[in-house]
Amino acid sequence: MQWTDILILIALGLGIAIVTTMSGVGGGVFFVPVLIYLEGLQITVAREISQFAILGTSLVGSITYLRQKRVNVRVGLIAAAFSVAGVLVYKYFFAFLSNAIVTLVFALFLLFLAVYYITPILYNYFKKRNSPPQAMTGEVPTSAAVSMGEMPSPQGVKWVLKAALLFFVGGFVAAMLGVGGGIIFVPTLSTILDFPIHFATATSSFTIVFNAITNVLVAGFRGQIDYVLGSALIVGAMPGAYIGAKYSRKVPKDPLKCVIAAVMCAVGILMLTGV
């Protein structure tokens, strides 16, 4: 491996982390294709290196969110218990799945993500375009309207029963594809458990740390991680995650998500066609 490859991976890790952190898209959806197309790796190898990089970015995010008191630690730990179980089930019972199958699932996953992110943007655009203009009321939002709200604290066991399977699936998918699992964790927390989105994303990031640790420990024990490539991504991704979080409020989310969705579509189609 040449130093130029390492420098390119550092730069790509930085750029991917900045953009994905700003938009709320998990970095693994781009770490894996970068390793496949830039380094010529099989997806079952690339996903383990991606998990190593995700561990770094999720740690940065979680520390930031914990300081901001946006993480429900109790819910996050319970979610982590089920999601780690999903990781272990995949690692020990489904790791036999071939590169071709995992590549197909990853490509379909990218196309699903693209549709998932762009559909509400298009819906809101056409809804706003077809709605009659509203008169300005001159009212100023109150502090309650612009605050993040109160930290949710679900009680009892019913919420655990409702969300357990989805947390498990999130861990299973993360282990299979080399992603964080936030695409499943965030909707579960926000829709099923009624978490405000700011708390849902923060608690999801906290949960992903445990997924990534489990993936890295198992893959590392099996000798499946190229630590040089993973470290190069982490060197760029960790400051990228910090920069993305710091300036995320200053960047319009919808145009950024549209660009990311277009890239995911292109990569998904390339993988489906075997290019």
Protein backbone atom coordinates (compact mmCIF):
# COMPACT_ATOMS: atom_id res chain seq x y z
CA MET A 1 0.00 0.00 0.00
CA GLN A 2 1.30 3.45 -0.92
CA TRP A 3 1.20 6.58 1.23
CA THR A 4 -0.98 8.22 -1.39
CA ASP A 5 -3.68 5.62 -0.71
CA ILE A 6 -3.56 6.39 3.00
CA LEU A 7 -3.76 10.13 2.40
CA ILE A 8 -6.70 9.66 0.05
CA LEU A 9 -8.53 7.56 2.64
CA ILE A 10 -7.88 10.19 5.32
CA ALA A 11 -9.27 12.90 3.06
CA LEU A 12 -12.28 10.79 2.09
CA GLY A 13 -12.91 9.87 5.74
CA LEU A 14 -12.87 13.56 6.62
CA GLY A 15 -15.21 14.54 3.80
CA ILE A 16 -17.62 11.64 4.31
CA ALA A 17 -17.85 12.28 8.06
CA ILE A 18 -18.51 16.00 7.60
CA VAL A 19 -21.24 15.51 5.02
CA THR A 20 -22.94 12.54 6.65
CA THR A 21 -22.86 14.11 10.12
CA MET A 22 -24.39 17.31 8.77
CA SER A 23 -27.15 15.42 6.99
CA GLY A 24 -27.77 12.71 9.58
CA VAL A 25 -26.84 9.89 7.18
CA GLY A 26 -24.61 7.13 8.53
CA GLY A 27 -21.04 7.18 7.25
CA GLY A 28 -20.93 3.43 6.68
CA VAL A 29 -23.03 3.72 3.53
CA PHE A 30 -20.03 5.47 1.94
CA PHE A 31 -17.10 3.93 3.82
CA VAL A 32 -17.95 0.51 2.38
CA PRO A 33 -18.18 1.57 -1.30
CA VAL A 34 -14.97 3.63 -0.97
CA LEU A 35 -13.10 0.57 0.27
CA ILE A 36 -14.61 -1.60 -2.45
CA TYR A 37 -13.90 0.69 -5.39
CA LEU A 38 -10.73 2.42 -4.19
CA GLU A 39 -8.95 -0.50 -2.53
CA GLY A 40 -10.54 -3.34 -4.51
CA LEU A 41 -11.78 -5.16 -1.41
CA GLN A 42 -14.61 -7.64 -1.15
CA ILE A 43 -17.64 -6.26 0.67
CA THR A 44 -17.29 -8.79 3.50
CA VAL A 45 -13.81 -7.36 4.16
CA ALA A 46 -14.77 -3.72 3.62
CA ARG A 47 -17.66 -3.88 6.09
CA GLU A 48 -15.35 -4.86 8.98
CA ILE A 49 -13.03 -1.92 8.26
CA SER A 50 -16.09 0.32 8.00
CA GLN A 51 -17.21 -0.79 11.47
CA PHE A 52 -13.78 0.14 12.81
CA ALA A 53 -14.21 3.64 11.38
CA ILE A 54 -17.79 3.87 12.65
CA LEU A 55 -16.54 3.12 16.15
CA GLY A 56 -14.43 6.28 16.02
CA THR A 57 -17.15 8.55 14.64
CA SER A 58 -19.86 7.21 16.95
CA LEU A 59 -17.60 7.75 19.98
CA VAL A 60 -17.07 11.37 18.99
CA GLY A 61 -20.78 11.87 18.44
CA SER A 62 -21.78 10.15 21.67
CA ILE A 63 -19.36 12.14 23.82
CA THR A 64 -20.69 15.35 22.27
CA TYR A 65 -24.30 14.32 22.80
CA LEU A 66 -23.66 13.19 26.37
CA ARG A 67 -22.21 16.58 27.17
CA GLN A 68 -25.29 18.18 25.65
CA LYS A 69 -27.47 15.88 27.80
CA ARG A 70 -29.29 14.57 24.73
CA VAL A 71 -28.73 10.85 25.40
CA ASN A 72 -31.18 8.73 27.38
CA VAL A 73 -28.56 6.38 28.76
CA ARG A 74 -31.05 3.87 30.20
CA VAL A 75 -32.91 3.48 26.90
CA GLY A 76 -29.64 3.48 24.97
CA LEU A 77 -28.22 0.64 27.06
CA ILE A 78 -31.37 -1.45 26.68
CA ALA A 79 -31.37 -0.79 22.93
CA ALA A 80 -27.69 -1.74 22.84
CA ALA A 81 -28.38 -5.06 24.57
CA PHE A 82 -30.83 -6.13 21.86
CA SER A 83 -28.83 -4.67 18.98
CA VAL A 84 -25.62 -6.34 20.17
CA ALA A 85 -27.57 -9.60 20.25
CA GLY A 86 -28.42 -8.96 16.59
CA VAL A 87 -24.75 -8.38 15.82
CA LEU A 88 -23.72 -11.63 17.49
CA VAL A 89 -26.46 -13.66 15.79
CA TYR A 90 -25.24 -12.46 12.39
CA LYS A 91 -21.57 -12.94 13.24
CA TYR A 92 -21.97 -16.52 14.46
CA PHE A 93 -24.88 -17.86 12.45
CA PHE A 94 -25.06 -15.90 9.16
CA ALA A 95 -21.45 -14.99 8.40
CA PHE A 96 -21.46 -17.71 5.73
CA LEU A 97 -23.45 -15.44 3.37
CA SER A 98 -21.43 -14.88 0.19
CA ASN A 99 -20.01 -11.63 -1.13
CA ALA A 100 -22.56 -11.70 -3.95
CA ILE A 101 -25.52 -11.90 -1.57
CA VAL A 102 -24.19 -9.21 0.77
CA THR A 103 -23.40 -6.95 -2.20
CA LEU A 104 -26.93 -7.36 -3.52
CA VAL A 105 -28.44 -6.55 -0.13
CA PHE A 106 -26.14 -3.54 0.29
CA ALA A 107 -27.08 -2.17 -3.15
CA LEU A 108 -30.79 -2.53 -2.40
CA PHE A 109 -30.18 -0.94 1.00
CA LEU A 110 -28.59 2.10 -0.68
CA LEU A 111 -31.54 2.48 -3.04
CA PHE A 112 -33.96 2.17 -0.13
CA LEU A 113 -32.06 4.83 1.81
CA ALA A 114 -32.11 7.17 -1.17
CA VAL A 115 -35.90 6.85 -1.44
CA TYR A 116 -36.27 7.13 2.35
CA TYR A 117 -34.39 10.43 2.50
CA ILE A 118 -35.73 12.10 -0.62
CA THR A 119 -39.43 11.17 -0.37
CA PRO A 120 -40.33 13.52 2.50
CA ILE A 121 -38.35 16.33 0.86
CA LEU A 122 -40.28 15.98 -2.39
CA TYR A 123 -43.58 15.64 -0.50
CA ASN A 124 -42.98 18.85 1.45
CA TYR A 125 -41.83 20.66 -1.68
CA PHE A 126 -44.94 19.84 -3.71
CA LYS A 127 -47.19 20.39 -0.71
CA LYS A 128 -45.75 23.84 -0.18
CA ARG A 129 -45.88 24.61 -3.89
CA ASN A 130 -49.56 23.69 -4.16
CA SER A 131 -50.61 25.38 -0.92
CA PRO A 132 -52.05 28.91 -0.98
CA PRO A 133 -49.75 31.58 0.42
CA GLN A 134 -50.30 32.32 4.09
CA ALA A 135 -50.33 35.78 5.58
CA MET A 136 -47.56 36.70 7.97
CA THR A 137 -48.80 36.83 11.54
CA GLY A 138 -45.81 38.62 12.97
CA GLU A 139 -45.66 36.16 15.84
CA VAL A 140 -42.29 35.29 17.26
CA PRO A 141 -41.69 31.65 18.23
CA THR A 142 -41.58 31.11 21.96
CA SER A 143 -38.65 29.46 23.66
CA ALA A 144 -40.71 26.28 24.04
CA ALA A 145 -41.25 26.14 20.29
CA VAL A 146 -37.57 26.24 19.47
CA SER A 147 -36.26 24.10 22.35
CA MET A 148 -35.45 20.43 22.00
CA GLY A 149 -38.15 19.51 24.51
CA GLU A 150 -37.80 17.39 27.62
CA MET A 151 -35.78 14.21 27.83
CA PRO A 152 -38.23 11.31 27.23
CA SER A 153 -38.24 8.61 29.89
CA PRO A 154 -40.41 5.61 28.95
CA GLN A 155 -41.42 3.49 31.91
CA GLY A 156 -42.44 -0.13 32.37
CA VAL A 157 -41.71 -2.99 30.00
CA LYS A 158 -44.24 -2.38 27.22
CA TRP A 159 -41.92 -0.04 25.34
CA VAL A 160 -39.16 -2.64 25.52
CA LEU A 161 -41.43 -5.30 24.05
CA LYS A 162 -42.51 -2.96 21.25
CA ALA A 163 -39.00 -1.91 20.27
CA ALA A 164 -36.84 -4.95 21.08
CA LEU A 165 -37.21 -6.69 17.71
CA LEU A 166 -36.35 -3.53 15.78
CA PHE A 167 -33.26 -2.91 17.90
CA PHE A 168 -32.24 -6.51 17.22
CA VAL A 169 -32.78 -6.05 13.47
CA GLY A 170 -30.73 -2.85 13.55
CA GLY A 171 -27.77 -4.71 15.01
CA PHE A 172 -28.17 -7.58 12.54
CA VAL A 173 -28.25 -5.22 9.54
CA ALA A 174 -25.29 -3.23 10.89
CA ALA A 175 -23.18 -6.39 11.18
CA MET A 176 -24.20 -7.64 7.75
CA LEU A 177 -23.59 -4.41 5.81
CA GLY A 178 -20.95 -2.56 7.80
CA VAL A 179 -23.23 0.36 8.68
CA GLY A 180 -24.18 1.86 12.03
CA GLY A 181 -27.83 0.86 12.17
CA GLY A 182 -29.12 4.36 12.82
CA ILE A 183 -31.54 4.10 9.89
CA ILE A 184 -33.48 1.63 12.07
CA PHE A 185 -32.68 2.98 15.54
CA VAL A 186 -33.74 6.58 14.90
CA PRO A 187 -37.23 5.79 13.49
CA THR A 188 -37.76 3.26 16.27
CA LEU A 189 -36.93 5.81 18.95
CA SER A 190 -38.81 8.69 17.34
CA THR A 191 -41.91 6.86 16.10
CA ILE A 192 -42.47 3.98 18.51
CA LEU A 193 -41.05 5.58 21.66
CA ASP A 194 -42.02 9.19 20.81
CA PHE A 195 -38.51 10.59 21.23
CA PRO A 196 -38.02 14.11 19.82
CA ILE A 197 -35.65 13.79 16.87
CA HIS A 198 -32.73 15.48 18.68
CA PHE A 199 -32.86 12.91 21.47
CA ALA A 200 -33.50 10.05 19.04
CA THR A 201 -30.38 10.74 16.97
CA ALA A 202 -28.23 11.20 20.07
CA THR A 203 -29.45 8.01 21.76
CA SER A 204 -29.04 6.15 18.46
CA SER A 205 -25.42 7.29 18.23
CA PHE A 206 -24.86 6.06 21.79
CA THR A 207 -26.31 2.66 20.86
CA ILE A 208 -24.16 2.42 17.74
CA VAL A 209 -21.01 2.62 19.88
CA PHE A 210 -21.83 -0.75 21.43
CA ASN A 211 -22.66 -2.28 18.04
CA ALA A 212 -19.36 -1.09 16.60
CA ILE A 213 -17.37 -2.32 19.63
CA THR A 214 -18.93 -5.78 19.31
CA ASN A 215 -18.29 -5.92 15.56
CA VAL A 216 -14.69 -4.80 15.96
CA LEU A 217 -13.96 -7.24 18.79
CA VAL A 218 -15.34 -10.24 16.90
CA ALA A 219 -13.78 -9.28 13.57
CA GLY A 220 -10.49 -8.37 15.23
CA PHE A 221 -10.34 -11.72 17.03
CA ARG A 222 -10.88 -13.43 13.67
CA GLY A 223 -8.18 -11.32 12.00
CA GLN A 224 -10.64 -9.74 9.56
CA ILE A 225 -9.73 -6.07 10.05
CA ASP A 226 -7.06 -4.19 8.10
CA TYR A 227 -6.11 -1.74 10.85
CA VAL A 228 -4.02 0.42 8.52
CA LEU A 229 -6.96 1.16 6.25
CA GLY A 230 -9.33 1.49 9.20
CA SER A 231 -6.99 3.86 11.02
CA ALA A 232 -6.66 6.04 7.92
CA LEU A 233 -10.44 6.40 7.75
CA ILE A 234 -10.65 7.13 11.48
CA VAL A 235 -7.94 9.80 11.33
CA GLY A 236 -10.08 11.70 8.85
CA ALA A 237 -13.52 10.69 10.12
CA MET A 238 -13.15 11.66 13.79
CA PRO A 239 -12.39 15.36 13.18
CA GLY A 240 -14.88 15.25 10.31
CA ALA A 241 -17.63 14.13 12.68
CA TYR A 242 -16.76 16.99 15.04
CA ILE A 243 -16.74 19.57 12.24
CA GLY A 244 -19.99 18.25 10.82
CA ALA A 245 -21.70 18.40 14.21
CA LYS A 246 -20.38 21.88 14.92
CA TYR A 247 -21.59 23.43 11.66
CA SER A 248 -24.62 21.25 10.94
CA ARG A 249 -27.08 24.00 11.87
CA LYS A 250 -25.56 26.35 9.29
CA VAL A 251 -26.03 24.06 6.30
CA PRO A 252 -29.42 23.56 4.60
CA LYS A 253 -30.28 19.89 5.11
CA ASP A 254 -32.66 19.22 2.21
CA PRO A 255 -30.32 20.10 -0.69
CA LEU A 256 -27.53 18.15 0.99
CA LYS A 257 -29.75 15.10 1.44
CA CYS A 258 -30.82 15.30 -2.22
CA VAL A 259 -27.19 15.20 -3.36
CA ILE A 260 -26.42 12.31 -1.00
CA ALA A 261 -29.51 10.43 -2.21
CA ALA A 262 -28.37 10.86 -5.81
CA VAL A 263 -24.92 9.49 -4.96
CA MET A 264 -26.44 6.53 -3.11
CA CYS A 265 -28.63 5.76 -6.14
CA ALA A 266 -25.61 5.86 -8.44
CA VAL A 267 -23.51 3.62 -6.17
CA GLY A 268 -26.42 1.22 -5.67
CA ILE A 269 -26.96 0.88 -9.41
CA LEU A 270 -23.22 0.33 -9.98
CA MET A 271 -23.20 -2.45 -7.42
CA LEU A 272 -26.33 -4.07 -8.86
CA THR A 273 -24.83 -4.05 -12.36
CA GLY A 274 -21.53 -5.43 -11.11
CA VAL A 275 -19.48 -2.47 -12.32
